C-alpha atoms as a PDB file:
ATOM      1  CA  MET A   1      -0.065  -0.103  -0.018  1.00  0.00           C
ATOM      2  CA  PRO A   2       1.242   3.523  -0.720  1.00  0.00           C
ATOM      3  CA  ASP A   3       2.837   5.372   2.121  1.00  0.00           C
ATOM      4  CA  ARG A   4       1.859   9.127   1.516  1.00  0.00           C
ATOM      5  CA  VAL A   5       0.811  11.778  -0.915  1.00  0.00           C
ATOM      6  CA  ALA A   6       4.156  12.909  -2.218  1.00  0.00           C
ATOM      7  CA  LEU A   7       3.053  15.754  -4.379  1.00  0.00           C
ATOM      8  CA  PHE A   8      -0.047  17.187  -6.218  1.00  0.00           C
ATOM      9  CA  SER A   9      -0.379  19.625  -9.156  1.00  0.00           C
ATOM     10  CA  LEU A  10      -1.479  23.071  -8.757  1.00  0.00           C
ATOM     11  CA  LEU A  11      -2.556  24.714 -12.080  1.00  0.00           C
ATOM     12  CA  VAL A  12      -1.039  28.099 -12.698  1.00  0.00           C
ATOM     13  CA  PRO A  13      -0.866  30.367 -15.617  1.00  0.00           C
ATOM     14  CA  ASP A  14       2.926  30.883 -15.562  1.00  0.00           C
ATOM     15  CA  TYR A  15       5.769  29.049 -13.939  1.00  0.00           C
ATOM     16  CA  ASP A  16       8.008  31.991 -13.130  1.00  0.00           C
ATOM     17  CA  GLU A  17       5.093  34.227 -11.744  1.00  0.00           C
ATOM     18  CA  ALA A  18       3.869  31.359  -9.452  1.00  0.00           C
ATOM     19  CA  LEU A  19       7.357  30.300  -8.296  1.00  0.00           C
ATOM     20  CA  ALA A  20       8.072  34.083  -7.418  1.00  0.00           C
ATOM     21  CA  PHE A  21       5.019  34.112  -5.300  1.00  0.00           C
ATOM     22  CA  PHE A  22       5.574  31.036  -3.335  1.00  0.00           C
ATOM     23  CA  LEU A  23       9.208  31.899  -2.709  1.00  0.00           C
ATOM     24  CA  ARG A  24       8.222  35.404  -1.435  1.00  0.00           C
ATOM     25  CA  ILE A  25       5.838  33.637   1.432  1.00  0.00           C
ATOM     26  CA  GLY A  26       8.421  31.233   2.424  1.00  0.00           C
ATOM     27  CA  PHE A  27       8.205  28.099   0.226  1.00  0.00           C
ATOM     28  CA  GLU A  28      11.485  26.592  -1.206  1.00  0.00           C
ATOM     29  CA  CYS A  29      12.040  25.445  -4.750  1.00  0.00           C
ATOM     30  CA  ARG A  30      13.081  21.815  -4.670  1.00  0.00           C
ATOM     31  CA  GLU A  31      13.323  21.323  -8.409  1.00  0.00           C
ATOM     32  CA  ASP A  32      12.968  23.261 -11.610  1.00  0.00           C
ATOM     33  CA  SER A  33      13.888  21.117 -14.628  1.00  0.00           C
ATOM     34  CA  ASP A  34      13.252  21.979 -18.181  1.00  0.00           C
ATOM     35  CA  LEU A  35      11.211  19.297 -19.851  1.00  0.00           C
ATOM     36  CA  GLY A  36      11.414  20.995 -23.428  1.00  0.00           C
ATOM     37  CA  ASN A  37       8.565  22.360 -25.512  1.00  0.00           C
ATOM     38  CA  GLY A  38       7.914  24.994 -22.824  1.00  0.00           C
ATOM     39  CA  LYS A  39       7.214  22.632 -20.073  1.00  0.00           C
ATOM     40  CA  ARG A  40       9.045  22.411 -16.733  1.00  0.00           C
ATOM     41  CA  TRP A  41       8.958  20.180 -13.669  1.00  0.00           C
ATOM     42  CA  VAL A  42       8.612  22.760 -10.818  1.00  0.00           C
ATOM     43  CA  ARG A  43       8.376  21.415  -7.267  1.00  0.00           C
ATOM     44  CA  ILE A  44       7.927  23.574  -4.295  1.00  0.00           C
ATOM     45  CA  ALA A  45       7.178  23.001  -0.699  1.00  0.00           C
ATOM     46  CA  PRO A  46       7.131  24.842   2.651  1.00  0.00           C
ATOM     47  CA  ARG A  47      10.440  24.808   4.157  1.00  0.00           C
ATOM     48  CA  GLY A  48      11.012  21.414   5.775  1.00  0.00           C
ATOM     49  CA  GLY A  49       7.632  20.319   4.524  1.00  0.00           C
ATOM     50  CA  GLU A  50       7.027  16.600   3.327  1.00  0.00           C
ATOM     51  CA  THR A  51       4.332  17.114   0.617  1.00  0.00           C
ATOM     52  CA  GLU A  52       5.238  19.064  -2.312  1.00  0.00           C
ATOM     53  CA  ILE A  53       3.385  21.034  -4.930  1.00  0.00           C
ATOM     54  CA  LEU A  54       4.090  20.389  -8.570  1.00  0.00           C
ATOM     55  CA  LEU A  55       3.371  23.869 -10.350  1.00  0.00           C
ATOM     56  CA  ALA A  56       1.609  22.695 -13.447  1.00  0.00           C
ATOM     57  CA  ARG A  57       1.258  25.589 -16.220  1.00  0.00           C
ATOM     58  CA  ALA A  58      -2.292  25.314 -17.610  1.00  0.00           C
ATOM     59  CA  VAL A  59      -2.515  24.515 -21.317  1.00  0.00           C
ATOM     60  CA  GLY A  60      -5.653  24.754 -23.268  1.00  0.00           C
ATOM     61  CA  ASP A  61      -9.112  26.193 -22.564  1.00  0.00           C
ATOM     62  CA  ARG A  62     -10.154  23.384 -20.034  1.00  0.00           C
ATOM     63  CA  GLN A  63      -7.144  23.789 -17.895  1.00  0.00           C
ATOM     64  CA  ASN A  64      -7.044  27.665 -18.042  1.00  0.00           C
ATOM     65  CA  ALA A  65     -10.693  27.652 -16.866  1.00  0.00           C
ATOM     66  CA  ALA A  66      -9.751  25.439 -14.020  1.00  0.00           C
ATOM     67  CA  ILE A  67      -7.018  27.908 -12.576  1.00  0.00           C
ATOM     68  CA  GLY A  68      -8.064  28.955  -9.197  1.00  0.00           C
ATOM     69  CA  GLN A  69     -11.087  26.573  -9.249  1.00  0.00           C
ATOM     70  CA  GLN A  70      -9.491  23.219  -8.383  1.00  0.00           C
ATOM     71  CA  GLY A  71     -11.175  23.253  -5.062  1.00  0.00           C
ATOM     72  CA  GLY A  72     -14.729  24.362  -6.425  1.00  0.00           C
ATOM     73  CA  GLY A  73     -14.591  27.612  -4.423  1.00  0.00           C
ATOM     74  CA  ARG A  74     -13.978  25.879  -1.162  1.00  0.00           C
ATOM     75  CA  VAL A  75     -10.790  26.081   0.991  1.00  0.00           C
ATOM     76  CA  TRP A  76      -8.766  22.965  -0.256  1.00  0.00           C
ATOM     77  CA  LEU A  77      -5.183  23.785   0.607  1.00  0.00           C
ATOM     78  CA  PHE A  78      -3.985  23.860   4.415  1.00  0.00           C
ATOM     79  CA  LEU A  79      -0.670  25.380   5.137  1.00  0.00           C
ATOM     80  CA  GLN A  80       0.121  24.357   8.671  1.00  0.00           C
ATOM     81  CA  THR A  81       2.471  26.434  10.845  1.00  0.00           C
ATOM     82  CA  ALA A  82       3.995  26.308  14.213  1.00  0.00           C
ATOM     83  CA  ASN A  83       4.331  30.077  14.399  1.00  0.00           C
ATOM     84  CA  PHE A  84       0.917  31.591  13.350  1.00  0.00           C
ATOM     85  CA  GLU A  85       1.635  35.190  14.254  1.00  0.00           C
ATOM     86  CA  GLU A  86       4.968  35.396  12.430  1.00  0.00           C
ATOM     87  CA  ASP A  87       3.801  33.532   9.148  1.00  0.00           C
ATOM     88  CA  TYR A  88       0.622  35.623   9.124  1.00  0.00           C
ATOM     89  CA  LEU A  89       2.493  39.036   9.497  1.00  0.00           C
ATOM     90  CA  ARG A  90       5.082  37.898   6.845  1.00  0.00           C
ATOM     91  CA  MET A  91       2.382  36.942   4.484  1.00  0.00           C
ATOM     92  CA  GLN A  92       0.550  40.174   5.046  1.00  0.00           C
ATOM     93  CA  ALA A  93       3.659  42.226   4.265  1.00  0.00           C
ATOM     94  CA  GLU A  94       4.048  40.289   1.011  1.00  0.00           C
ATOM     95  CA  GLY A  95       0.611  41.331  -0.078  1.00  0.00           C
ATOM     96  CA  VAL A  96      -1.165  38.055   0.500  1.00  0.00           C
ATOM     97  CA  VAL A  97      -5.068  38.675   0.490  1.00  0.00           C
ATOM     98  CA  PHE A  98      -6.792  37.442   3.647  1.00  0.00           C
ATOM     99  CA  GLU A  99     -10.610  36.979   3.541  1.00  0.00           C
ATOM    100  CA  SER A 100     -11.015  37.979   7.202  1.00  0.00           C
ATOM    101  CA  ALA A 101      -9.168  38.349  10.479  1.00  0.00           C
ATOM    102  CA  PRO A 102      -7.445  35.371  12.092  1.00  0.00           C
ATOM    103  CA  ARG A 103      -9.819  33.500  14.358  1.00  0.00           C
ATOM    104  CA  ASP A 104      -9.518  30.937  17.265  1.00  0.00           C
ATOM    105  CA  GLU A 105     -11.374  27.598  16.722  1.00  0.00           C
ATOM    106  CA  PRO A 106     -11.409  24.508  18.936  1.00  0.00           C
ATOM    107  CA  TYR A 107      -8.658  22.866  16.672  1.00  0.00           C
ATOM    108  CA  GLY A 108      -6.495  25.877  16.475  1.00  0.00           C
ATOM    109  CA  ARG A 109      -5.767  29.360  15.048  1.00  0.00           C
ATOM    110  CA  VAL A 110      -6.763  29.858  11.447  1.00  0.00           C
ATOM    111  CA  VAL A 111      -7.162  32.426   8.778  1.00  0.00           C
ATOM    112  CA  VAL A 112      -8.440  31.886   5.127  1.00  0.00           C
ATOM    113  CA  TRP A 113      -6.255  33.465   2.382  1.00  0.00           C
ATOM    114  CA  VAL A 114      -6.376  33.660  -1.344  1.00  0.00           C
ATOM    115  CA  ASP A 115      -3.434  32.961  -3.855  1.00  0.00           C
ATOM    116  CA  PRO A 116      -3.037  35.292  -6.778  1.00  0.00           C
ATOM    117  CA  TRP A 117      -5.044  32.839  -8.877  1.00  0.00           C
ATOM    118  CA  GLY A 118      -8.077  32.474  -6.589  1.00  0.00           C
ATOM    119  CA  ASN A 119      -7.314  29.399  -4.703  1.00  0.00           C
ATOM    120  CA  ARG A 120      -8.491  29.436  -1.086  1.00  0.00           C
ATOM    121  CA  TRP A 121      -6.116  28.330   1.529  1.00  0.00           C
ATOM    122  CA  ASP A 122      -6.147  27.981   5.463  1.00  0.00           C
ATOM    123  CA  LEU A 123      -3.192  29.119   7.336  1.00  0.00           C
ATOM    124  CA  ILE A 124      -3.428  27.125  10.425  1.00  0.00           C
ATOM    125  CA  GLU A 125      -1.791  26.447  13.725  1.00  0.00           C
ATOM    126  CA  TYR A 126      -3.309  23.438  15.577  1.00  0.00           C
ATOM    127  CA  ALA A 127      -4.160  23.876  19.078  1.00  0.00           C
ATOM    128  CA  ASP A 128      -2.167  20.526  19.635  1.00  0.00           C
ATOM    129  CA  VAL A 129       0.515  20.536  17.047  1.00  0.00           C
ATOM    130  CA  HIS A 130       2.147  17.202  18.095  1.00  0.00           C
ATOM    131  CA  ARG A 131      -1.224  15.425  18.252  1.00  0.00           C
ATOM    132  CA  ASN A 132      -2.231  16.545  14.694  1.00  0.00           C
ATOM    133  CA  ARG A 133       1.215  15.599  13.070  1.00  0.00           C
ATOM    134  CA  THR A 134       1.401  12.154  14.597  1.00  0.00           C
ATOM    135  CA  GLY A 135      -2.423  11.162  14.638  1.00  0.00           C
ATOM    136  CA  ASN A 136      -2.147  10.476  18.390  1.00  0.00           C
END
């Protein structure tokens, strides 16, 4: 049986624009390989994170229409942090659009933000980080 989700694709209109945005908010580029014919293999992840995102440049009408809509309008990406205030302030300084003020929920501190293409994300610091990382 497979162990984990290693990476997933995020549709973007342009590799360089997307890479620049994610680097500004604290992600790292793990690979940027030219595959020829305008295609690249661009893997990013939060620093020290396990699951990676493959930036996939949309091609054609169907993929272009899906940019920013992969979650169907719902929050579908969850960026976990161990230092909510520091990351929230850094992202705010980088011009990230937040839908509301941060709030405290029984499961932790959270705020919804939107990337430049319309994808909705949660920035979240779990109330018990160790329990949520290990499943115990």
